[in-house]
Each structure stands twice: as structure tokens, then as C-alpha cells.
Amino acid sequence: MGIRHGNMLDGTMWEFGRPAFWAVHLAGAAVLFFLGMRFAVRRVPVPIMLFSMLRSLLRH
């Protein structure tokens, strides 16, 4: 009985389903992560970064 507003993107090329919505967000997060890692690798020597990552993974 209420008023139902349609989505403006329905039926357009910009419409995509819920799995695609999450895929786009995960891909964007991965891109930001890897760009950040590239910046971090330039700033910190690789052996020090690998050692700290390994230490944090093996810590109980």
C-alpha cells in the first residue's frame, strides 16, 4: 500500500548484482593494499619487512 520508488540504475548498463557489488569492492581493496605495499617496500628494506611479517605470523 506504500509508495515504492524504483532504482534509477535498473535496466541500465550500470546495474549489476550483489556478487558483482562485492567483487568490485574486494578488487578495490586489493588494489589499495598492493599500492600501499609498493610504497612500503620502497621505504623499508625488504629483509626487514619480511622478517617482521614472518615474526607476526608465527607469534602465538
PDB file of N, CA and C in Angstrom:
ATOM      1  N   MET A   1       0.806  -1.208   0.000  1.00  0.00           N
ATOM      2  CA  MET A   1       0.000   0.000   0.000  1.00  0.00           C
ATOM      3  C   MET A   1       0.844   1.266   0.000  1.00  0.00           C
ATOM      4  N   GLY A   2       2.153   1.108   0.286  1.00  0.00           N
ATOM      5  CA  GLY A   2       3.018   2.278   0.321  1.00  0.00           C
ATOM      6  C   GLY A   2       3.526   2.623  -1.069  1.00  0.00           C
ATOM      7  N   ILE A   3       4.213   3.734  -1.139  1.00  0.00           N
ATOM      8  CA  ILE A   3       4.808   4.163  -2.403  1.00  0.00           C
ATOM      9  C   ILE A   3       6.158   3.451  -2.550  1.00  0.00           C
ATOM     10  N   ARG A   4       6.351   2.846  -3.682  1.00  0.00           N
ATOM     11  CA  ARG A   4       7.611   2.128  -3.926  1.00  0.00           C
ATOM     12  C   ARG A   4       8.378   2.840  -5.040  1.00  0.00           C
ATOM     13  N   HIS A   5       9.577   3.308  -4.704  1.00  0.00           N
ATOM     14  CA  HIS A   5      10.412   4.002  -5.674  1.00  0.00           C
ATOM     15  C   HIS A   5      11.338   2.999  -6.350  1.00  0.00           C
ATOM     16  N   GLY A   6      11.422   3.048  -7.652  1.00  0.00           N
ATOM     17  CA  GLY A   6      12.316   2.162  -8.385  1.00  0.00           C
ATOM     18  C   GLY A   6      13.755   2.662  -8.329  1.00  0.00           C
ATOM     19  N   ASN A   7      14.653   1.733  -8.496  1.00  0.00           N
ATOM     20  CA  ASN A   7      16.067   2.083  -8.520  1.00  0.00           C
ATOM     21  C   ASN A   7      16.378   2.761  -9.852  1.00  0.00           C
ATOM     22  N   MET A   8      17.134   3.860  -9.814  1.00  0.00           N
ATOM     23  CA  MET A   8      17.447   4.590 -11.051  1.00  0.00           C
ATOM     24  C   MET A   8      18.349   3.781 -11.974  1.00  0.00           C
ATOM     25  N   LEU A   9      19.115   2.821 -11.418  1.00  0.00           N
ATOM     26  CA  LEU A   9      20.062   2.059 -12.219  1.00  0.00           C
ATOM     27  C   LEU A   9      19.443   0.816 -12.857  1.00  0.00           C
ATOM     28  N   ASP A  10      18.223   0.464 -12.478  1.00  0.00           N
ATOM     29  CA  ASP A  10      17.587  -0.727 -13.040  1.00  0.00           C
ATOM     30  C   ASP A  10      17.432  -0.575 -14.544  1.00  0.00           C
ATOM     31  N   GLY A  11      17.860  -1.612 -15.268  1.00  0.00           N
ATOM     32  CA  GLY A  11      17.710  -1.609 -16.712  1.00  0.00           C
ATOM     33  C   GLY A  11      18.772  -0.820 -17.453  1.00  0.00           C
ATOM     34  N   THR A  12      19.791  -0.328 -16.746  1.00  0.00           N
ATOM     35  CA  THR A  12      20.868   0.416 -17.405  1.00  0.00           C
ATOM     36  C   THR A  12      22.128  -0.441 -17.426  1.00  0.00           C
ATOM     37  N   MET A  13      23.161   0.038 -18.087  1.00  0.00           N
ATOM     38  CA  MET A  13      24.418  -0.713 -18.133  1.00  0.00           C
ATOM     39  C   MET A  13      25.160  -0.673 -16.804  1.00  0.00           C
ATOM     40  N   TRP A  14      24.771   0.201 -15.889  1.00  0.00           N
ATOM     41  CA  TRP A  14      25.427   0.314 -14.587  1.00  0.00           C
ATOM     42  C   TRP A  14      24.862  -0.665 -13.567  1.00  0.00           C
ATOM     43  N   GLU A  15      23.817  -1.383 -13.917  1.00  0.00           N
ATOM     44  CA  GLU A  15      23.189  -2.312 -12.988  1.00  0.00           C
ATOM     45  C   GLU A  15      24.019  -3.589 -12.894  1.00  0.00           C
ATOM     46  N   PHE A  16      24.331  -4.009 -11.698  1.00  0.00           N
ATOM     47  CA  PHE A  16      24.987  -5.290 -11.504  1.00  0.00           C
ATOM     48  C   PHE A  16      24.503  -5.897 -10.201  1.00  0.00           C
ATOM     49  N   GLY A  17      24.615  -7.224 -10.120  1.00  0.00           N
ATOM     50  CA  GLY A  17      24.060  -7.956  -8.987  1.00  0.00           C
ATOM     51  C   GLY A  17      24.901  -7.864  -7.728  1.00  0.00           C
ATOM     52  N   ARG A  18      24.405  -8.488  -6.687  1.00  0.00           N
ATOM     53  CA  ARG A  18      25.080  -8.436  -5.395  1.00  0.00           C
ATOM     54  C   ARG A  18      26.473  -9.055  -5.432  1.00  0.00           C
ATOM     55  N   PRO A  19      26.688 -10.223  -6.094  1.00  0.00           N
ATOM     56  CA  PRO A  19      28.060 -10.758  -6.140  1.00  0.00           C
ATOM     57  C   PRO A  19      29.023  -9.810  -6.851  1.00  0.00           C
ATOM     58  N   ALA A  20      28.576  -9.166  -7.907  1.00  0.00           N
ATOM     59  CA  ALA A  20      29.447  -8.216  -8.605  1.00  0.00           C
ATOM     60  C   ALA A  20      29.740  -7.006  -7.717  1.00  0.00           C
ATOM     61  N   PHE A  21      28.780  -6.586  -6.926  1.00  0.00           N
ATOM     62  CA  PHE A  21      28.973  -5.470  -5.993  1.00  0.00           C
ATOM     63  C   PHE A  21      30.129  -5.772  -5.047  1.00  0.00           C
ATOM     64  N   TRP A  22      30.116  -6.979  -4.455  1.00  0.00           N
ATOM     65  CA  TRP A  22      31.179  -7.351  -3.528  1.00  0.00           C
ATOM     66  C   TRP A  22      32.492  -7.585  -4.262  1.00  0.00           C
ATOM     67  N   ALA A  23      32.443  -8.098  -5.480  1.00  0.00           N
ATOM     68  CA  ALA A  23      33.669  -8.312  -6.256  1.00  0.00           C
ATOM     69  C   ALA A  23      34.354  -6.982  -6.554  1.00  0.00           C
ATOM     70  N   VAL A  24      33.573  -5.972  -6.894  1.00  0.00           N
ATOM     71  CA  VAL A  24      34.140  -4.639  -7.164  1.00  0.00           C
ATOM     72  C   VAL A  24      34.789  -4.076  -5.904  1.00  0.00           C
ATOM     73  N   HIS A  25      34.139  -4.239  -4.765  1.00  0.00           N
ATOM     74  CA  HIS A  25      34.698  -3.703  -3.527  1.00  0.00           C
ATOM     75  C   HIS A  25      35.948  -4.478  -3.093  1.00  0.00           C
ATOM     76  N   LEU A  26      35.954  -5.787  -3.259  1.00  0.00           N
ATOM     77  CA  LEU A  26      37.140  -6.566  -2.910  1.00  0.00           C
ATOM     78  C   LEU A  26      38.308  -6.233  -3.845  1.00  0.00           C
ATOM     79  N   ALA A  27      38.019  -6.064  -5.124  1.00  0.00           N
ATOM     80  CA  ALA A  27      39.074  -5.707  -6.068  1.00  0.00           C
ATOM     81  C   ALA A  27      39.659  -4.333  -5.727  1.00  0.00           C
ATOM     82  N   GLY A  28      38.806  -3.393  -5.374  1.00  0.00           N
ATOM     83  CA  GLY A  28      39.283  -2.062  -4.986  1.00  0.00           C
ATOM     84  C   GLY A  28      40.140  -2.103  -3.731  1.00  0.00           C
ATOM     85  N   ALA A  29      39.728  -2.911  -2.755  1.00  0.00           N
ATOM     86  CA  ALA A  29      40.517  -3.050  -1.526  1.00  0.00           C
ATOM     87  C   ALA A  29      41.866  -3.689  -1.827  1.00  0.00           C
ATOM     88  N   ALA A  30      41.881  -4.682  -2.713  1.00  0.00           N
ATOM     89  CA  ALA A  30      43.142  -5.339  -3.077  1.00  0.00           C
ATOM     90  C   ALA A  30      44.078  -4.368  -3.789  1.00  0.00           C
ATOM     91  N   VAL A  31      43.537  -3.559  -4.677  1.00  0.00           N
ATOM     92  CA  VAL A  31      44.366  -2.571  -5.384  1.00  0.00           C
ATOM     93  C   VAL A  31      44.972  -1.582  -4.396  1.00  0.00           C
ATOM     94  N   LEU A  32      44.166  -1.084  -3.469  1.00  0.00           N
ATOM     95  CA  LEU A  32      44.697  -0.149  -2.472  1.00  0.00           C
ATOM     96  C   LEU A  32      45.760  -0.808  -1.595  1.00  0.00           C
ATOM     97  N   PHE A  33      45.531  -2.076  -1.235  1.00  0.00           N
ATOM     98  CA  PHE A  33      46.507  -2.792  -0.413  1.00  0.00           C
ATOM     99  C   PHE A  33      47.830  -2.933  -1.143  1.00  0.00           C
ATOM    100  N   PHE A  34      47.789  -3.367  -2.411  1.00  0.00           N
ATOM    101  CA  PHE A  34      49.024  -3.582  -3.143  1.00  0.00           C
ATOM    102  C   PHE A  34      49.742  -2.271  -3.468  1.00  0.00           C
ATOM    103  N   LEU A  35      48.992  -1.203  -3.697  1.00  0.00           N
ATOM    104  CA  LEU A  35      49.643   0.091  -3.891  1.00  0.00           C
ATOM    105  C   LEU A  35      50.334   0.539  -2.608  1.00  0.00           C
ATOM    106  N   GLY A  36      49.700   0.283  -1.483  1.00  0.00           N
ATOM    107  CA  GLY A  36      50.314   0.600  -0.193  1.00  0.00           C
ATOM    108  C   GLY A  36      51.552  -0.236   0.058  1.00  0.00           C
ATOM    109  N   MET A  37      51.508  -1.519  -0.337  1.00  0.00           N
ATOM    110  CA  MET A  37      52.675  -2.379  -0.172  1.00  0.00           C
ATOM    111  C   MET A  37      53.828  -1.894  -1.056  1.00  0.00           C
ATOM    112  N   ARG A  38      53.534  -1.435  -2.258  1.00  0.00           N
ATOM    113  CA  ARG A  38      54.590  -0.909  -3.132  1.00  0.00           C
ATOM    114  C   ARG A  38      55.264   0.296  -2.482  1.00  0.00           C
ATOM    115  N   PHE A  39      54.455   1.153  -1.870  1.00  0.00           N
ATOM    116  CA  PHE A  39      55.004   2.321  -1.197  1.00  0.00           C
ATOM    117  C   PHE A  39      55.847   1.896   0.005  1.00  0.00           C
ATOM    118  N   ALA A  40      55.358   0.894   0.766  1.00  0.00           N
ATOM    119  CA  ALA A  40      56.086   0.435   1.947  1.00  0.00           C
ATOM    120  C   ALA A  40      57.396  -0.238   1.560  1.00  0.00           C
ATOM    121  N   VAL A  41      57.412  -0.982   0.464  1.00  0.00           N
ATOM    122  CA  VAL A  41      58.635  -1.657   0.036  1.00  0.00           C
ATOM    123  C   VAL A  41      59.694  -0.638  -0.360  1.00  0.00           C
ATOM    124  N   ARG A  42      59.277   0.448  -0.935  1.00  0.00           N
ATOM    125  CA  ARG A  42      60.248   1.489  -1.297  1.00  0.00           C
ATOM    126  C   ARG A  42      60.848   2.151  -0.057  1.00  0.00           C
ATOM    127  N   ARG A  43      60.070   2.226   1.013  1.00  0.00           N
ATOM    128  CA  ARG A  43      60.518   2.931   2.214  1.00  0.00           C
ATOM    129  C   ARG A  43      61.349   2.047   3.146  1.00  0.00           C
ATOM    130  N   VAL A  44      61.029   0.753   3.244  1.00  0.00           N
ATOM    131  CA  VAL A  44      61.675  -0.146   4.195  1.00  0.00           C
ATOM    132  C   VAL A  44      62.420  -1.221   3.411  1.00  0.00           C
ATOM    133  N   PRO A  45      63.621  -1.544   3.820  1.00  0.00           N
ATOM    134  CA  PRO A  45      64.330  -2.633   3.148  1.00  0.00           C
ATOM    135  C   PRO A  45      63.536  -3.938   3.223  1.00  0.00           C
ATOM    136  N   VAL A  46      63.544  -4.701   2.144  1.00  0.00           N
ATOM    137  CA  VAL A  46      62.722  -5.911   2.036  1.00  0.00           C
ATOM    138  C   VAL A  46      63.032  -6.932   3.123  1.00  0.00           C
ATOM    139  N   PRO A  47      64.299  -7.231   3.465  1.00  0.00           N
ATOM    140  CA  PRO A  47      64.534  -8.244   4.506  1.00  0.00           C
ATOM    141  C   PRO A  47      63.934  -7.867   5.858  1.00  0.00           C
ATOM    142  N   ILE A  48      63.980  -6.596   6.203  1.00  0.00           N
ATOM    143  CA  ILE A  48      63.395  -6.162   7.480  1.00  0.00           C
ATOM    144  C   ILE A  48      61.886  -6.328   7.445  1.00  0.00           C
ATOM    145  N   MET A  49      61.264  -5.969   6.328  1.00  0.00           N
ATOM    146  CA  MET A  49      59.815  -6.107   6.209  1.00  0.00           C
ATOM    147  C   MET A  49      59.405  -7.581   6.258  1.00  0.00           C
ATOM    148  N   LEU A  50      60.145  -8.450   5.551  1.00  0.00           N
ATOM    149  CA  LEU A  50      59.821  -9.879   5.564  1.00  0.00           C
ATOM    150  C   LEU A  50      60.013 -10.474   6.955  1.00  0.00           C
ATOM    151  N   PHE A  51      61.057 -10.079   7.647  1.00  0.00           N
ATOM    152  CA  PHE A  51      61.289 -10.580   8.995  1.00  0.00           C
ATOM    153  C   PHE A  51      60.160 -10.187   9.936  1.00  0.00           C
ATOM    154  N   SER A  52      59.734  -8.948   9.879  1.00  0.00           N
ATOM    155  CA  SER A  52      58.662  -8.508  10.775  1.00  0.00           C
ATOM    156  C   SER A  52      57.338  -9.193  10.423  1.00  0.00           C
ATOM    157  N   MET A  53      57.079  -9.423   9.124  1.00  0.00           N
ATOM    158  CA  MET A  53      55.852 -10.103   8.739  1.00  0.00           C
ATOM    159  C   MET A  53      55.880 -11.561   9.197  1.00  0.00           C
ATOM    160  N   LEU A  54      57.015 -12.228   9.027  1.00  0.00           N
ATOM    161  CA  LEU A  54      57.150 -13.613   9.451  1.00  0.00           C
ATOM    162  C   LEU A  54      57.014 -13.729  10.963  1.00  0.00           C
ATOM    163  N   ARG A  55      57.617 -12.787  11.697  1.00  0.00           N
ATOM    164  CA  ARG A  55      57.531 -12.801  13.160  1.00  0.00           C
ATOM    165  C   ARG A  55      56.092 -12.623  13.631  1.00  0.00           C
ATOM    166  N   SER A  56      55.345 -11.741  12.959  1.00  0.00           N
ATOM    167  CA  SER A  56      53.962 -11.521  13.374  1.00  0.00           C
ATOM    168  C   SER A  56      53.074 -12.723  13.016  1.00  0.00           C
ATOM    169  N   LEU A  57      53.412 -13.436  11.938  1.00  0.00           N
ATOM    170  CA  LEU A  57      52.630 -14.625  11.572  1.00  0.00           C
ATOM    171  C   LEU A  57      52.898 -15.792  12.515  1.00  0.00           C
ATOM    172  N   LEU A  58      54.121 -15.916  12.992  1.00  0.00           N
ATOM    173  CA  LEU A  58      54.490 -17.050  13.846  1.00  0.00           C
ATOM    174  C   LEU A  58      54.255 -16.789  15.328  1.00  0.00           C
ATOM    175  N   ARG A  59      53.877 -15.587  15.675  1.00  0.00           N
ATOM    176  CA  ARG A  59      53.624 -15.242  17.077  1.00  0.00           C
ATOM    177  C   ARG A  59      52.343 -15.932  17.555  1.00  0.00           C
ATOM    178  N   HIS A  60      52.371 -16.484  18.741  1.00  0.00           N
ATOM    179  CA  HIS A  60      51.195 -17.197  19.270  1.00  0.00           C
ATOM    180  C   HIS A  60      50.383 -16.267  20.061  1.00  0.00           C
TER     181      HIS A  60
END
